[in-house]
mmCIF file of all heavy atoms, coordinates in Angstrom:
data_MODEL
# 
_entry.id   MODEL 
# 
loop_
_atom_site.group_PDB 
_atom_site.id 
_atom_site.type_symbol 
_atom_site.label_atom_id 
_atom_site.label_alt_id 
_atom_site.label_comp_id 
_atom_site.label_asym_id 
_atom_site.label_entity_id 
_atom_site.label_seq_id 
_atom_site.pdbx_PDB_ins_code 
_atom_site.Cartn_x 
_atom_site.Cartn_y 
_atom_site.Cartn_z 
_atom_site.occupancy 
_atom_site.B_iso_or_equiv 
_atom_site.pdbx_formal_charge 
_atom_site.auth_seq_id 
_atom_site.auth_comp_id 
_atom_site.auth_asym_id 
_atom_site.auth_atom_id 
_atom_site.pdbx_PDB_model_num 
ATOM 1   N N   . ARG A 1 1  ? 0.823  -1.220 0.000   1.00 0.00 ? 1  ARG A N   1 
ATOM 2   C CA  . ARG A 1 1  ? 0.000  0.000  0.000   1.00 0.00 ? 1  ARG A CA  1 
ATOM 3   C C   . ARG A 1 1  ? 0.849  1.260  0.000   1.00 0.00 ? 1  ARG A C   1 
ATOM 4   O O   . ARG A 1 1  ? 0.355  2.355  -0.235  1.00 0.00 ? 1  ARG A O   1 
ATOM 5   C CB  . ARG A 1 1  ? -0.923 0.028  1.224   1.00 0.00 ? 1  ARG A CB  1 
ATOM 6   C CG  . ARG A 1 1  ? -1.729 -1.242 1.423   1.00 0.00 ? 1  ARG A CG  1 
ATOM 7   C CD  . ARG A 1 1  ? -2.645 -1.527 0.249   1.00 0.00 ? 1  ARG A CD  1 
ATOM 8   N NE  . ARG A 1 1  ? -3.398 -2.768 0.454   1.00 0.00 ? 1  ARG A NE  1 
ATOM 9   C CZ  . ARG A 1 1  ? -4.080 -3.374 -0.496  1.00 0.00 ? 1  ARG A CZ  1 
ATOM 10  N NH1 . ARG A 1 1  ? -4.090 -2.877 -1.723  1.00 0.00 ? 1  ARG A NH1 1 
ATOM 11  N NH2 . ARG A 1 1  ? -4.741 -4.490 -0.232  1.00 0.00 ? 1  ARG A NH2 1 
ATOM 12  N N   . ARG A 1 2  ? 2.142  1.087  0.292   1.00 0.00 ? 2  ARG A N   1 
ATOM 13  C CA  . ARG A 1 2  ? 3.071  2.217  0.362   1.00 0.00 ? 2  ARG A CA  1 
ATOM 14  C C   . ARG A 1 2  ? 4.376  1.812  -0.305  1.00 0.00 ? 2  ARG A C   1 
ATOM 15  O O   . ARG A 1 2  ? 4.845  0.675  -0.150  1.00 0.00 ? 2  ARG A O   1 
ATOM 16  C CB  . ARG A 1 2  ? 3.330  2.588  1.825   1.00 0.00 ? 2  ARG A CB  1 
ATOM 17  C CG  . ARG A 1 2  ? 4.517  3.525  2.037   1.00 0.00 ? 2  ARG A CG  1 
ATOM 18  C CD  . ARG A 1 2  ? 4.897  3.579  3.515   1.00 0.00 ? 2  ARG A CD  1 
ATOM 19  N NE  . ARG A 1 2  ? 6.226  4.179  3.693   1.00 0.00 ? 2  ARG A NE  1 
ATOM 20  C CZ  . ARG A 1 2  ? 6.458  5.463  3.879   1.00 0.00 ? 2  ARG A CZ  1 
ATOM 21  N NH1 . ARG A 1 2  ? 5.426  6.308  3.947   1.00 0.00 ? 2  ARG A NH1 1 
ATOM 22  N NH2 . ARG A 1 2  ? 7.687  5.916  4.033   1.00 0.00 ? 2  ARG A NH2 1 
ATOM 23  N N   . LEU A 1 3  ? 4.961  2.718  -1.043  1.00 0.00 ? 3  LEU A N   1 
ATOM 24  C CA  . LEU A 1 3  ? 6.285  2.511  -1.616  1.00 0.00 ? 3  LEU A CA  1 
ATOM 25  C C   . LEU A 1 3  ? 7.256  3.454  -0.917  1.00 0.00 ? 3  LEU A C   1 
ATOM 26  O O   . LEU A 1 3  ? 7.058  4.671  -0.904  1.00 0.00 ? 3  LEU A O   1 
ATOM 27  C CB  . LEU A 1 3  ? 6.283  2.791  -3.120  1.00 0.00 ? 3  LEU A CB  1 
ATOM 28  C CG  . LEU A 1 3  ? 5.533  1.782  -3.991  1.00 0.00 ? 3  LEU A CG  1 
ATOM 29  C CD1 . LEU A 1 3  ? 5.440  2.291  -5.431  1.00 0.00 ? 3  LEU A CD1 1 
ATOM 30  C CD2 . LEU A 1 3  ? 6.197  0.408  -3.959  1.00 0.00 ? 3  LEU A CD2 1 
ATOM 31  N N   . ASP A 1 4  ? 8.293  2.885  -0.314  1.00 0.00 ? 4  ASP A N   1 
ATOM 32  C CA  . ASP A 1 4  ? 9.292  3.726  0.327   1.00 0.00 ? 4  ASP A CA  1 
ATOM 33  C C   . ASP A 1 4  ? 10.151 4.439  -0.708  1.00 0.00 ? 4  ASP A C   1 
ATOM 34  O O   . ASP A 1 4  ? 10.683 5.513  -0.433  1.00 0.00 ? 4  ASP A O   1 
ATOM 35  C CB  . ASP A 1 4  ? 10.162 2.881  1.252   1.00 0.00 ? 4  ASP A CB  1 
ATOM 36  C CG  . ASP A 1 4  ? 9.344  2.287  2.380   1.00 0.00 ? 4  ASP A CG  1 
ATOM 37  O OD1 . ASP A 1 4  ? 9.032  3.018  3.338   1.00 0.00 ? 4  ASP A OD1 1 
ATOM 38  O OD2 . ASP A 1 4  ? 8.981  1.103  2.292   1.00 0.00 ? 4  ASP A OD2 1 
ATOM 39  N N   . ARG A 1 5  ? 10.243 3.827  -1.892  1.00 0.00 ? 5  ARG A N   1 
ATOM 40  C CA  . ARG A 1 5  ? 10.964 4.495  -2.987  1.00 0.00 ? 5  ARG A CA  1 
ATOM 41  C C   . ARG A 1 5  ? 10.441 3.973  -4.310  1.00 0.00 ? 5  ARG A C   1 
ATOM 42  O O   . ARG A 1 5  ? 10.226 2.769  -4.486  1.00 0.00 ? 5  ARG A O   1 
ATOM 43  C CB  . ARG A 1 5  ? 12.465 4.228  -2.874  1.00 0.00 ? 5  ARG A CB  1 
ATOM 44  C CG  . ARG A 1 5  ? 13.330 5.196  -3.691  1.00 0.00 ? 5  ARG A CG  1 
ATOM 45  C CD  . ARG A 1 5  ? 14.732 5.248  -3.102  1.00 0.00 ? 5  ARG A CD  1 
ATOM 46  N NE  . ARG A 1 5  ? 15.531 6.301  -3.692  1.00 0.00 ? 5  ARG A NE  1 
ATOM 47  C CZ  . ARG A 1 5  ? 16.666 6.750  -3.160  1.00 0.00 ? 5  ARG A CZ  1 
ATOM 48  N NH1 . ARG A 1 5  ? 17.115 6.239  -2.023  1.00 0.00 ? 5  ARG A NH1 1 
ATOM 49  N NH2 . ARG A 1 5  ? 17.359 7.705  -3.749  1.00 0.00 ? 5  ARG A NH2 1 
ATOM 50  N N   . LEU A 1 6  ? 10.219 4.884  -5.230  1.00 0.00 ? 6  LEU A N   1 
ATOM 51  C CA  . LEU A 1 6  ? 9.869  4.558  -6.611  1.00 0.00 ? 6  LEU A CA  1 
ATOM 52  C C   . LEU A 1 6  ? 10.995 5.068  -7.497  1.00 0.00 ? 6  LEU A C   1 
ATOM 53  O O   . LEU A 1 6  ? 11.312 6.264  -7.478  1.00 0.00 ? 6  LEU A O   1 
ATOM 54  C CB  . LEU A 1 6  ? 8.543  5.210  -7.002  1.00 0.00 ? 6  LEU A CB  1 
ATOM 55  C CG  . LEU A 1 6  ? 8.142  5.105  -8.470  1.00 0.00 ? 6  LEU A CG  1 
ATOM 56  C CD1 . LEU A 1 6  ? 7.970  3.653  -8.903  1.00 0.00 ? 6  LEU A CD1 1 
ATOM 57  C CD2 . LEU A 1 6  ? 6.852  5.890  -8.736  1.00 0.00 ? 6  LEU A CD2 1 
ATOM 58  N N   . ILE A 1 7  ? 11.621 4.156  -8.232  1.00 0.00 ? 7  ILE A N   1 
ATOM 59  C CA  . ILE A 1 7  ? 12.689 4.530  -9.154  1.00 0.00 ? 7  ILE A CA  1 
ATOM 60  C C   . ILE A 1 7  ? 12.157 4.417  -10.573 1.00 0.00 ? 7  ILE A C   1 
ATOM 61  O O   . ILE A 1 7  ? 11.656 3.364  -10.977 1.00 0.00 ? 7  ILE A O   1 
ATOM 62  C CB  . ILE A 1 7  ? 13.932 3.640  -8.981  1.00 0.00 ? 7  ILE A CB  1 
ATOM 63  C CG1 . ILE A 1 7  ? 14.498 3.807  -7.563  1.00 0.00 ? 7  ILE A CG1 1 
ATOM 64  C CG2 . ILE A 1 7  ? 14.996 3.978  -10.021 1.00 0.00 ? 7  ILE A CG2 1 
ATOM 65  C CD1 . ILE A 1 7  ? 15.711 2.933  -7.278  1.00 0.00 ? 7  ILE A CD1 1 
ATOM 66  N N   . LEU A 1 8  ? 12.242 5.500  -11.318 1.00 0.00 ? 8  LEU A N   1 
ATOM 67  C CA  . LEU A 1 8  ? 11.826 5.530  -12.724 1.00 0.00 ? 8  LEU A CA  1 
ATOM 68  C C   . LEU A 1 8  ? 13.094 5.673  -13.549 1.00 0.00 ? 8  LEU A C   1 
ATOM 69  O O   . LEU A 1 8  ? 13.719 6.732  -13.571 1.00 0.00 ? 8  LEU A O   1 
ATOM 70  C CB  . LEU A 1 8  ? 10.863 6.694  -12.963 1.00 0.00 ? 8  LEU A CB  1 
ATOM 71  C CG  . LEU A 1 8  ? 9.576  6.619  -12.122 1.00 0.00 ? 8  LEU A CG  1 
ATOM 72  C CD1 . LEU A 1 8  ? 8.843  7.953  -12.133 1.00 0.00 ? 8  LEU A CD1 1 
ATOM 73  C CD2 . LEU A 1 8  ? 8.670  5.505  -12.616 1.00 0.00 ? 8  LEU A CD2 1 
ATOM 74  N N   . SER A 1 9  ? 13.486 4.582  -14.188 1.00 0.00 ? 9  SER A N   1 
ATOM 75  C CA  . SER A 1 9  ? 14.813 4.540  -14.810 1.00 0.00 ? 9  SER A CA  1 
ATOM 76  C C   . SER A 1 9  ? 15.025 5.659  -15.818 1.00 0.00 ? 9  SER A C   1 
ATOM 77  O O   . SER A 1 9  ? 16.061 6.328  -15.811 1.00 0.00 ? 9  SER A O   1 
ATOM 78  C CB  . SER A 1 9  ? 15.060 3.173  -15.459 1.00 0.00 ? 9  SER A CB  1 
ATOM 79  O OG  . SER A 1 9  ? 14.142 2.938  -16.513 1.00 0.00 ? 9  SER A OG  1 
ATOM 80  N N   . HIS A 1 10 ? 14.028 5.890  -16.678 1.00 0.00 ? 10 HIS A N   1 
ATOM 81  C CA  . HIS A 1 10 ? 14.124 6.953  -17.671 1.00 0.00 ? 10 HIS A CA  1 
ATOM 82  C C   . HIS A 1 10 ? 12.734 7.188  -18.262 1.00 0.00 ? 10 HIS A C   1 
ATOM 83  O O   . HIS A 1 10 ? 11.788 6.454  -17.972 1.00 0.00 ? 10 HIS A O   1 
ATOM 84  C CB  . HIS A 1 10 ? 15.139 6.605  -18.760 1.00 0.00 ? 10 HIS A CB  1 
ATOM 85  C CG  . HIS A 1 10 ? 14.754 5.424  -19.592 1.00 0.00 ? 10 HIS A CG  1 
ATOM 86  N ND1 . HIS A 1 10 ? 14.612 4.152  -19.080 1.00 0.00 ? 10 HIS A ND1 1 
ATOM 87  C CD2 . HIS A 1 10 ? 14.446 5.316  -20.913 1.00 0.00 ? 10 HIS A CD2 1 
ATOM 88  C CE1 . HIS A 1 10 ? 14.260 3.321  -20.041 1.00 0.00 ? 10 HIS A CE1 1 
ATOM 89  N NE2 . HIS A 1 10 ? 14.139 3.994  -21.164 1.00 0.00 ? 10 HIS A NE2 1 
ATOM 90  N N   . HIS A 1 11 ? 12.622 8.213  -19.091 1.00 0.00 ? 11 HIS A N   1 
ATOM 91  C CA  . HIS A 1 11 ? 11.314 8.662  -19.573 1.00 0.00 ? 11 HIS A CA  1 
ATOM 92  C C   . HIS A 1 11 ? 10.950 7.987  -20.897 1.00 0.00 ? 11 HIS A C   1 
ATOM 93  O O   . HIS A 1 11 ? 10.977 8.586  -21.963 1.00 0.00 ? 11 HIS A O   1 
ATOM 94  C CB  . HIS A 1 11 ? 11.317 10.189 -19.742 1.00 0.00 ? 11 HIS A CB  1 
ATOM 95  C CG  . HIS A 1 11 ? 9.975  10.753 -20.104 1.00 0.00 ? 11 HIS A CG  1 
ATOM 96  N ND1 . HIS A 1 11 ? 8.818  10.416 -19.457 1.00 0.00 ? 11 HIS A ND1 1 
ATOM 97  C CD2 . HIS A 1 11 ? 9.625  11.652 -21.059 1.00 0.00 ? 11 HIS A CD2 1 
ATOM 98  C CE1 . HIS A 1 11 ? 7.801  11.071 -19.990 1.00 0.00 ? 11 HIS A CE1 1 
ATOM 99  N NE2 . HIS A 1 11 ? 8.262  11.829 -20.969 1.00 0.00 ? 11 HIS A NE2 1 
ATOM 100 N N   . ASP A 1 12 ? 10.613 6.690  -20.802 1.00 0.00 ? 12 ASP A N   1 
ATOM 101 C CA  . ASP A 1 12 ? 10.050 5.948  -21.924 1.00 0.00 ? 12 ASP A CA  1 
ATOM 102 C C   . ASP A 1 12 ? 8.760  5.306  -21.444 1.00 0.00 ? 12 ASP A C   1 
ATOM 103 O O   . ASP A 1 12 ? 8.683  4.818  -20.308 1.00 0.00 ? 12 ASP A O   1 
ATOM 104 C CB  . ASP A 1 12 ? 11.019 4.856  -22.412 1.00 0.00 ? 12 ASP A CB  1 
ATOM 105 C CG  . ASP A 1 12 ? 11.997 5.366  -23.458 1.00 0.00 ? 12 ASP A CG  1 
ATOM 106 O OD1 . ASP A 1 12 ? 11.846 6.518  -23.892 1.00 0.00 ? 12 ASP A OD1 1 
ATOM 107 O OD2 . ASP A 1 12 ? 12.921 4.613  -23.823 1.00 0.00 ? 12 ASP A OD2 1 
ATOM 108 N N   . ASN A 1 13 ? 7.758  5.253  -22.316 1.00 0.00 ? 13 ASN A N   1 
ATOM 109 C CA  . ASN A 1 13 ? 6.438  4.790  -21.926 1.00 0.00 ? 13 ASN A CA  1 
ATOM 110 C C   . ASN A 1 13 ? 6.437  3.384  -21.351 1.00 0.00 ? 13 ASN A C   1 
ATOM 111 O O   . ASN A 1 13 ? 5.658  3.062  -20.450 1.00 0.00 ? 13 ASN A O   1 
ATOM 112 C CB  . ASN A 1 13 ? 5.499  4.849  -23.143 1.00 0.00 ? 13 ASN A CB  1 
ATOM 113 C CG  . ASN A 1 13 ? 4.100  4.379  -22.803 1.00 0.00 ? 13 ASN A CG  1 
ATOM 114 O OD1 . ASN A 1 13 ? 3.428  4.963  -21.957 1.00 0.00 ? 13 ASN A OD1 1 
ATOM 115 N ND2 . ASN A 1 13 ? 3.652  3.318  -23.461 1.00 0.00 ? 13 ASN A ND2 1 
ATOM 116 N N   . ASP A 1 14 ? 7.332  2.522  -21.848 1.00 0.00 ? 14 ASP A N   1 
ATOM 117 C CA  . ASP A 1 14 ? 7.346  1.142  -21.363 1.00 0.00 ? 14 ASP A CA  1 
ATOM 118 C C   . ASP A 1 14 ? 8.028  1.005  -19.998 1.00 0.00 ? 14 ASP A C   1 
ATOM 119 O O   . ASP A 1 14 ? 8.051  -0.081 -19.415 1.00 0.00 ? 14 ASP A O   1 
ATOM 120 C CB  . ASP A 1 14 ? 7.995  0.205  -22.382 1.00 0.00 ? 14 ASP A CB  1 
ATOM 121 C CG  . ASP A 1 14 ? 9.371  0.655  -22.828 1.00 0.00 ? 14 ASP A CG  1 
ATOM 122 O OD1 . ASP A 1 14 ? 9.687  1.852  -22.694 1.00 0.00 ? 14 ASP A OD1 1 
ATOM 123 O OD2 . ASP A 1 14 ? 10.135 -0.180 -23.329 1.00 0.00 ? 14 ASP A OD2 1 
ATOM 124 N N   . HIS A 1 15 ? 8.562  2.118  -19.496 1.00 0.00 ? 15 HIS A N   1 
ATOM 125 C CA  . HIS A 1 15 ? 9.191  2.119  -18.182 1.00 0.00 ? 15 HIS A CA  1 
ATOM 126 C C   . HIS A 1 15 ? 8.487  3.022  -17.181 1.00 0.00 ? 15 HIS A C   1 
ATOM 127 O O   . HIS A 1 15 ? 8.548  2.772  -15.979 1.00 0.00 ? 15 HIS A O   1 
ATOM 128 C CB  . HIS A 1 15 ? 10.659 2.535  -18.298 1.00 0.00 ? 15 HIS A CB  1 
ATOM 129 C CG  . HIS A 1 15 ? 11.504 1.522  -19.004 1.00 0.00 ? 15 HIS A CG  1 
ATOM 130 N ND1 . HIS A 1 15 ? 12.348 0.656  -18.344 1.00 0.00 ? 15 HIS A ND1 1 
ATOM 131 C CD2 . HIS A 1 15 ? 11.621 1.216  -20.322 1.00 0.00 ? 15 HIS A CD2 1 
ATOM 132 C CE1 . HIS A 1 15 ? 12.952 -0.136 -19.224 1.00 0.00 ? 15 HIS A CE1 1 
ATOM 133 N NE2 . HIS A 1 15 ? 12.527 0.191  -20.430 1.00 0.00 ? 15 HIS A NE2 1 
ATOM 134 N N   . ASP A 1 16 ? 7.854  4.082  -17.644 1.00 0.00 ? 16 ASP A N   1 
ATOM 135 C CA  . ASP A 1 16 ? 7.188  5.003  -16.716 1.00 0.00 ? 16 ASP A CA  1 
ATOM 136 C C   . ASP A 1 16 ? 5.731  5.285  -17.076 1.00 0.00 ? 16 ASP A C   1 
ATOM 137 O O   . ASP A 1 16 ? 5.077  6.106  -16.437 1.00 0.00 ? 16 ASP A O   1 
ATOM 138 C CB  . ASP A 1 16 ? 7.956  6.321  -16.615 1.00 0.00 ? 16 ASP A CB  1 
ATOM 139 C CG  . ASP A 1 16 ? 7.884  7.158  -17.895 1.00 0.00 ? 16 ASP A CG  1 
ATOM 140 O OD1 . ASP A 1 16 ? 7.298  6.708  -18.902 1.00 0.00 ? 16 ASP A OD1 1 
ATOM 141 O OD2 . ASP A 1 16 ? 8.417  8.287  -17.892 1.00 0.00 ? 16 ASP A OD2 1 
ATOM 142 N N   . GLY A 1 17 ? 5.193  4.582  -18.086 1.00 0.00 ? 17 GLY A N   1 
ATOM 143 C CA  . GLY A 1 17 ? 3.816  4.840  -18.514 1.00 0.00 ? 17 GLY A CA  1 
ATOM 144 C C   . GLY A 1 17 ? 2.787  4.558  -17.434 1.00 0.00 ? 17 GLY A C   1 
ATOM 145 O O   . GLY A 1 17 ? 1.700  5.134  -17.411 1.00 0.00 ? 17 GLY A O   1 
ATOM 146 N N   . GLY A 1 18 ? 3.110  3.646  -16.502 1.00 0.00 ? 18 GLY A N   1 
ATOM 147 C CA  . GLY A 1 18 ? 2.187  3.301  -15.433 1.00 0.00 ? 18 GLY A CA  1 
ATOM 148 C C   . GLY A 1 18 ? 2.353  4.148  -14.182 1.00 0.00 ? 18 GLY A C   1 
ATOM 149 O O   . GLY A 1 18 ? 1.769  3.829  -13.131 1.00 0.00 ? 18 GLY A O   1 
ATOM 150 N N   . PHE A 1 19 ? 3.116  5.239  -14.273 1.00 0.00 ? 19 PHE A N   1 
ATOM 151 C CA  . PHE A 1 19 ? 3.397  6.086  -13.105 1.00 0.00 ? 19 PHE A CA  1 
ATOM 152 C C   . PHE A 1 19 ? 2.116  6.541  -12.409 1.00 0.00 ? 19 PHE A C   1 
ATOM 153 O O   . PHE A 1 19 ? 1.967  6.414  -11.194 1.00 0.00 ? 19 PHE A O   1 
ATOM 154 C CB  . PHE A 1 19 ? 4.227  7.292  -13.547 1.00 0.00 ? 19 PHE A CB  1 
ATOM 155 C CG  . PHE A 1 19 ? 4.421  8.340  -12.489 1.00 0.00 ? 19 PHE A CG  1 
ATOM 156 C CD1 . PHE A 1 19 ? 5.258  8.104  -11.409 1.00 0.00 ? 19 PHE A CD1 1 
ATOM 157 C CD2 . PHE A 1 19 ? 3.767  9.558  -12.559 1.00 0.00 ? 19 PHE A CD2 1 
ATOM 158 C CE1 . PHE A 1 19 ? 5.440  9.065  -10.426 1.00 0.00 ? 19 PHE A CE1 1 
ATOM 159 C CE2 . PHE A 1 19 ? 3.931  10.521 -11.577 1.00 0.00 ? 19 PHE A CE2 1 
ATOM 160 C CZ  . PHE A 1 19 ? 4.786  10.273 -10.508 1.00 0.00 ? 19 PHE A CZ  1 
ATOM 161 N N   . GLN A 1 20 ? 1.158  7.045  -13.169 1.00 0.00 ? 20 GLN A N   1 
ATOM 162 C CA  . GLN A 1 20 ? -0.074 7.553  -12.573 1.00 0.00 ? 20 GLN A CA  1 
ATOM 163 C C   . GLN A 1 20 ? -0.881 6.441  -11.926 1.00 0.00 ? 20 GLN A C   1 
ATOM 164 O O   . GLN A 1 20 ? -1.397 6.581  -10.812 1.00 0.00 ? 20 GLN A O   1 
ATOM 165 C CB  . GLN A 1 20 ? -0.921 8.265  -13.634 1.00 0.00 ? 20 GLN A CB  1 
ATOM 166 C CG  . GLN A 1 20 ? -2.021 9.156  -13.063 1.00 0.00 ? 20 GLN A CG  1 
ATOM 167 C CD  . GLN A 1 20 ? -1.457 10.336 -12.276 1.00 0.00 ? 20 GLN A CD  1 
ATOM 168 O OE1 . GLN A 1 20 ? -0.579 11.051 -12.748 1.00 0.00 ? 20 GLN A OE1 1 
ATOM 169 N NE2 . GLN A 1 20 ? -1.942 10.514 -11.063 1.00 0.00 ? 20 GLN A NE2 1 
ATOM 170 N N   . ALA A 1 21 ? -0.987 5.296  -12.613 1.00 0.00 ? 21 ALA A N   1 
ATOM 171 C CA  . ALA A 1 21 ? -1.769 4.179  -12.082 1.00 0.00 ? 21 ALA A CA  1 
ATOM 172 C C   . ALA A 1 21 ? -1.168 3.650  -10.789 1.00 0.00 ? 21 ALA A C   1 
ATOM 173 O O   . ALA A 1 21 ? -1.891 3.311  -9.844  1.00 0.00 ? 21 ALA A O   1 
ATOM 174 C CB  . ALA A 1 21 ? -1.862 3.059  -13.122 1.00 0.00 ? 21 ALA A CB  1 
ATOM 175 N N   . VAL A 1 22 ? 0.151  3.576  -10.726 1.00 0.00 ? 22 VAL A N   1 
ATOM 176 C CA  . VAL A 1 22 ? 0.827  3.047  -9.541  1.00 0.00 ? 22 VAL A CA  1 
ATOM 177 C C   . VAL A 1 22 ? 0.704  4.000  -8.357  1.00 0.00 ? 22 VAL A C   1 
ATOM 178 O O   . VAL A 1 22 ? 0.510  3.572  -7.214  1.00 0.00 ? 22 VAL A O   1 
ATOM 179 C CB  . VAL A 1 22 ? 2.309  2.750  -9.849  1.00 0.00 ? 22 VAL A CB  1 
ATOM 180 C CG1 . VAL A 1 22 ? 3.116  2.543  -8.571  1.00 0.00 ? 22 VAL A CG1 1 
ATOM 181 C CG2 . VAL A 1 22 ? 2.425  1.524  -10.747 1.00 0.00 ? 22 VAL A CG2 1 
ATOM 182 N N   . THR A 1 23 ? 0.804  5.300  -8.620  1.00 0.00 ? 23 THR A N   1 
ATOM 183 C CA  . THR A 1 23 ? 0.820  6.281  -7.525  1.00 0.00 ? 23 THR A CA  1 
ATOM 184 C C   . THR A 1 23 ? -0.574 6.699  -7.077  1.00 0.00 ? 23 THR A C   1 
ATOM 185 O O   . THR A 1 23 ? -0.721 7.230  -5.975  1.00 0.00 ? 23 THR A O   1 
ATOM 186 C CB  . THR A 1 23 ? 1.627  7.526  -7.921  1.00 0.00 ? 23 THR A CB  1 
ATOM 187 O OG1 . THR A 1 23 ? 1.092  8.082  -9.143  1.00 0.00 ? 23 THR A OG1 1 
ATOM 188 C CG2 . THR A 1 23 ? 3.090  7.176  -8.137  1.00 0.00 ? 23 THR A CG2 1 
ATOM 189 N N   . ASP A 1 24 ? -1.609 6.482  -7.887  1.00 0.00 ? 24 ASP A N   1 
ATOM 190 C CA  . ASP A 1 24 ? -2.969 6.831  -7.483  1.00 0.00 ? 24 ASP A CA  1 
ATOM 191 C C   . ASP A 1 24 ? -3.387 5.997  -6.270  1.00 0.00 ? 24 ASP A C   1 
ATOM 192 O O   . ASP A 1 24 ? -3.409 4.767  -6.330  1.00 0.00 ? 24 ASP A O   1 
ATOM 193 C CB  . ASP A 1 24 ? -3.956 6.587  -8.642  1.00 0.00 ? 24 ASP A CB  1 
ATOM 194 C CG  . ASP A 1 24 ? -3.999 7.743  -9.623  1.00 0.00 ? 24 ASP A CG  1 
ATOM 195 O OD1 . ASP A 1 24 ? -3.394 8.788  -9.332  1.00 0.00 ? 24 ASP A OD1 1 
ATOM 196 O OD2 . ASP A 1 24 ? -4.629 7.598  -10.686 1.00 0.00 ? 24 ASP A OD2 1 
ATOM 197 N N   . GLY A 1 25 ? -3.703 6.658  -5.168  1.00 0.00 ? 25 GLY A N   1 
ATOM 198 C CA  . GLY A 1 25 ? -4.172 5.957  -3.983  1.00 0.00 ? 25 GLY A CA  1 
ATOM 199 C C   . GLY A 1 25 ? -3.096 5.197  -3.234  1.00 0.00 ? 25 GLY A C   1 
ATOM 200 O O   . GLY A 1 25 ? -3.399 4.398  -2.350  1.00 0.00 ? 25 GLY A O   1 
ATOM 201 N N   . ARG A 1 26 ? -1.830 5.423  -3.578  1.00 0.00 ? 26 ARG A N   1 
ATOM 202 C CA  . ARG A 1 26 ? -0.726 4.723  -2.901  1.00 0.00 ? 26 ARG A CA  1 
ATOM 203 C C   . ARG A 1 26 ? 0.294  5.757  -2.448  1.00 0.00 ? 26 ARG A C   1 
ATOM 204 O O   . ARG A 1 26 ? 0.707  6.625  -3.212  1.00 0.00 ? 26 ARG A O   1 
ATOM 205 C CB  . ARG A 1 26 ? -0.071 3.731  -3.871  1.00 0.00 ? 26 ARG A CB  1 
ATOM 206 C CG  . ARG A 1 26 ? 0.829  2.688  -3.194  1.00 0.00 ? 26 ARG A CG  1 
ATOM 207 C CD  . ARG A 1 26 ? 1.470  1.768  -4.240  1.00 0.00 ? 26 ARG A CD  1 
ATOM 208 N NE  . ARG A 1 26 ? 0.519  1.375  -5.263  1.00 0.00 ? 26 ARG A NE  1 
ATOM 209 C CZ  . ARG A 1 26 ? -0.324 0.360  -5.154  1.00 0.00 ? 26 ARG A CZ  1 
ATOM 210 N NH1 . ARG A 1 26 ? -0.324 -0.363 -4.061  1.00 0.00 ? 26 ARG A NH1 1 
ATOM 211 N NH2 . ARG A 1 26 ? -1.169 0.067  -6.130  1.00 0.00 ? 26 ARG A NH2 1 
ATOM 212 N N   . THR A 1 27 ? 0.714  5.665  -1.212  1.00 0.00 ? 27 THR A N   1 
ATOM 213 C CA  . THR A 1 27 ? 1.717  6.592  -0.688  1.00 0.00 ? 27 THR A CA  1 
ATOM 214 C C   . THR A 1 27 ? 3.085  6.253  -1.264  1.00 0.00 ? 27 THR A C   1 
ATOM 215 O O   . THR A 1 27 ? 3.500  5.091  -1.249  1.00 0.00 ? 27 THR A O   1 
ATOM 216 C CB  . THR A 1 27 ? 1.778  6.510  0.848   1.00 0.00 ? 27 THR A CB  1 
ATOM 217 O OG1 . THR A 1 27 ? 0.487  6.812  1.387   1.00 0.00 ? 27 THR A OG1 1 
ATOM 218 C CG2 . THR A 1 27 ? 2.795  7.491  1.412   1.00 0.00 ? 27 THR A CG2 1 
# 
C-alpha cells in the first residue's frame, strides 16, 4: 500500500507509462 521508494529509470512509456496508475491511492 506504500512505496518507500519509486525509481523511474528513464522517460520511456514502457518504463514510466504506469506512473499515474501506480501512484494513485498509494503513498
